[in-house]
Amino acid sequence: MTDLADRVRRWRHDLHRIPETGLREHRAGDYLAATALAVAAARLTVGEDLLDPDTAPWTASEDFGALAEVVPACFALLGNGERLGAGGTPLHSPDDDFNDDVLDTGVADYVNLVRTALPVTGAR
C-alpha cells in the first residue's frame, strides 16, 4: 500500500504544478484514467517485472500533444533494445535499426488496451 500511496503522491505533486484554471482543462482526470488503462494493458502484456508505471510524465512529441488536447491520452513507451544495433540507437538516427522482435509485444499491448478499455459485456 505504501508503493501506491507514493505513486499517488507523486501524481498529485505533478498535477498541482499545472493548475487547471481555464474551465476547459481536464488534464488531471484524463491523465489518471488514460494512465490507468495503459498500465493495466501493459501489465497483461508483459507482466509486472517488465512494467514501469512510475515513469515521470514528459513531453516528447508535439503531434501527440496535439492529439491529447482532443482526446484523453497517455504516452506509453515500448522497449526496443539497449545496445547499439539491437534497437538501442536513438530513433531518427541514421544508425537506427528497429528491433522487429518487439512488434508482437506492441500489437499484444494494443489488443489488451482495447480489451481493457472496451470490455465485452455479453456473449455473441
Protein backbone atom coordinates (compact mmCIF):
# COMPACT_ATOMS: atom_id res chain seq x y z
CA MET A 1 0.00 0.00 0.00
CA THR A 2 2.93 2.34 0.63
CA ASP A 3 4.02 1.99 -3.01
CA LEU A 4 0.56 3.04 -4.21
CA ALA A 5 0.45 5.95 -1.76
CA ASP A 6 3.86 7.13 -3.00
CA ARG A 7 2.73 6.96 -6.64
CA VAL A 8 -0.48 8.88 -5.91
CA ARG A 9 1.53 11.50 -4.00
CA ARG A 10 3.88 11.96 -6.98
CA TRP A 11 0.90 12.28 -9.35
CA ARG A 12 -0.69 14.85 -7.05
CA HIS A 13 2.51 16.89 -6.90
CA ASP A 14 2.81 16.80 -10.68
CA LEU A 15 -0.81 17.83 -11.20
CA HIS A 16 -0.54 20.69 -8.70
CA ARG A 17 2.37 22.15 -10.66
CA ILE A 18 -0.04 22.78 -13.55
CA PRO A 19 -3.32 24.05 -12.05
CA GLU A 20 -6.46 23.76 -14.14
CA THR A 21 -7.91 27.24 -14.02
CA GLY A 22 -9.40 27.80 -17.51
CA LEU A 23 -12.57 25.71 -17.06
CA ARG A 24 -11.56 23.81 -20.23
CA GLU A 25 -8.73 21.71 -18.87
CA HIS A 26 -9.36 18.16 -17.81
CA ARG A 27 -5.74 17.11 -17.52
CA ALA A 28 -5.95 15.54 -14.06
CA GLY A 29 -8.80 13.16 -14.76
CA ASP A 30 -7.64 12.36 -18.28
CA TYR A 31 -4.08 11.76 -17.14
CA LEU A 32 -5.08 9.37 -14.37
CA ALA A 33 -7.69 7.46 -16.40
CA ALA A 34 -5.54 7.10 -19.52
CA THR A 35 -2.52 6.09 -17.45
CA ALA A 36 -4.54 3.51 -15.52
CA LEU A 37 -5.73 1.95 -18.80
CA ALA A 38 -2.22 1.90 -20.26
CA VAL A 39 -0.75 0.36 -17.11
CA ALA A 40 -3.49 -2.30 -16.94
CA ALA A 41 -2.89 -3.25 -20.58
CA ALA A 42 0.89 -3.36 -20.15
CA ARG A 43 0.53 -5.46 -17.02
CA LEU A 44 -1.50 -8.01 -19.04
CA THR A 45 1.03 -7.87 -21.88
CA VAL A 46 4.44 -8.05 -20.22
CA GLY A 47 3.74 -8.69 -16.54
CA GLU A 48 4.89 -6.79 -13.50
CA ASP A 49 8.64 -7.41 -13.91
CA LEU A 50 8.94 -5.53 -17.21
CA LEU A 51 6.46 -2.77 -16.36
CA ASP A 52 7.48 0.66 -15.07
CA PRO A 53 4.27 2.54 -14.19
CA ASP A 54 6.20 5.23 -12.30
CA THR A 55 7.84 6.85 -15.31
CA ALA A 56 7.61 10.59 -14.85
CA PRO A 57 5.36 12.49 -17.26
CA TRP A 58 7.31 14.07 -20.11
CA THR A 59 6.74 15.94 -23.32
CA ALA A 60 8.35 14.09 -26.19
CA SER A 61 6.06 14.53 -29.15
CA GLU A 62 4.32 17.68 -30.30
CA ASP A 63 1.95 15.75 -32.59
CA PHE A 64 0.94 13.51 -29.70
CA GLY A 65 0.42 16.61 -27.55
CA ALA A 66 -1.99 17.97 -30.16
CA LEU A 67 -3.91 14.69 -30.07
CA ALA A 68 -4.01 14.78 -26.26
CA GLU A 69 -5.74 18.15 -26.39
CA VAL A 70 -8.69 16.50 -28.15
CA VAL A 71 -8.98 13.06 -26.51
CA PRO A 72 -7.75 11.58 -23.21
CA ALA A 73 -4.24 10.27 -23.79
CA CYS A 74 -1.23 8.59 -22.24
CA PHE A 75 2.15 8.40 -23.97
CA ALA A 76 3.40 4.86 -23.34
CA LEU A 77 6.80 3.51 -24.29
CA LEU A 78 7.73 0.09 -25.63
CA GLY A 79 11.31 -1.03 -25.03
CA ASN A 80 13.19 -1.63 -28.27
CA GLY A 81 16.63 -2.61 -27.02
CA GLU A 82 19.55 -1.24 -25.07
CA ARG A 83 22.58 -1.94 -27.25
CA LEU A 84 23.56 -0.13 -30.44
CA GLY A 85 22.39 -2.13 -33.40
CA ALA A 86 19.90 -4.04 -31.27
CA GLY A 87 17.23 -1.38 -31.09
CA GLY A 88 19.19 0.79 -28.68
CA THR A 89 20.05 3.51 -31.18
CA PRO A 90 18.06 6.75 -30.85
CA LEU A 91 15.01 6.96 -33.11
CA HIS A 92 15.54 9.02 -36.29
CA SER A 93 19.29 8.39 -36.06
CA PRO A 94 20.94 7.31 -39.33
CA ASP A 95 22.15 4.25 -37.41
CA ASP A 96 18.67 3.31 -36.15
CA ASP A 97 17.87 -0.36 -36.69
CA PHE A 98 14.40 -1.07 -35.31
CA ASN A 99 14.22 -4.31 -33.36
CA ASP A 100 11.40 -6.13 -35.18
CA ASP A 101 11.23 -8.70 -32.36
CA VAL A 102 9.19 -6.25 -30.26
CA LEU A 103 6.39 -5.87 -32.84
CA ASP A 104 4.38 -8.79 -31.42
CA THR A 105 4.60 -7.26 -27.96
CA GLY A 106 3.42 -3.90 -29.27
CA VAL A 107 0.44 -5.46 -31.05
CA ALA A 108 -0.44 -7.52 -27.97
CA ASP A 109 -0.33 -4.37 -25.84
CA TYR A 110 -2.74 -2.55 -28.19
CA VAL A 111 -5.09 -5.56 -28.16
CA ASN A 112 -5.00 -5.61 -24.36
CA LEU A 113 -5.57 -1.84 -24.25
CA VAL A 114 -8.68 -2.14 -26.42
CA ARG A 115 -9.96 -5.11 -24.41
CA THR A 116 -9.37 -3.22 -21.17
CA ALA A 117 -11.00 -0.01 -22.37
CA LEU A 118 -13.91 -1.69 -24.19
CA PRO A 119 -14.71 -4.91 -22.33
CA VAL A 120 -17.17 -7.31 -23.88
CA THR A 121 -20.43 -7.10 -21.95
CA GLY A 122 -22.30 -10.06 -23.41
CA ALA A 123 -21.81 -13.20 -25.46
CA ARG A 124 -22.47 -13.07 -29.19
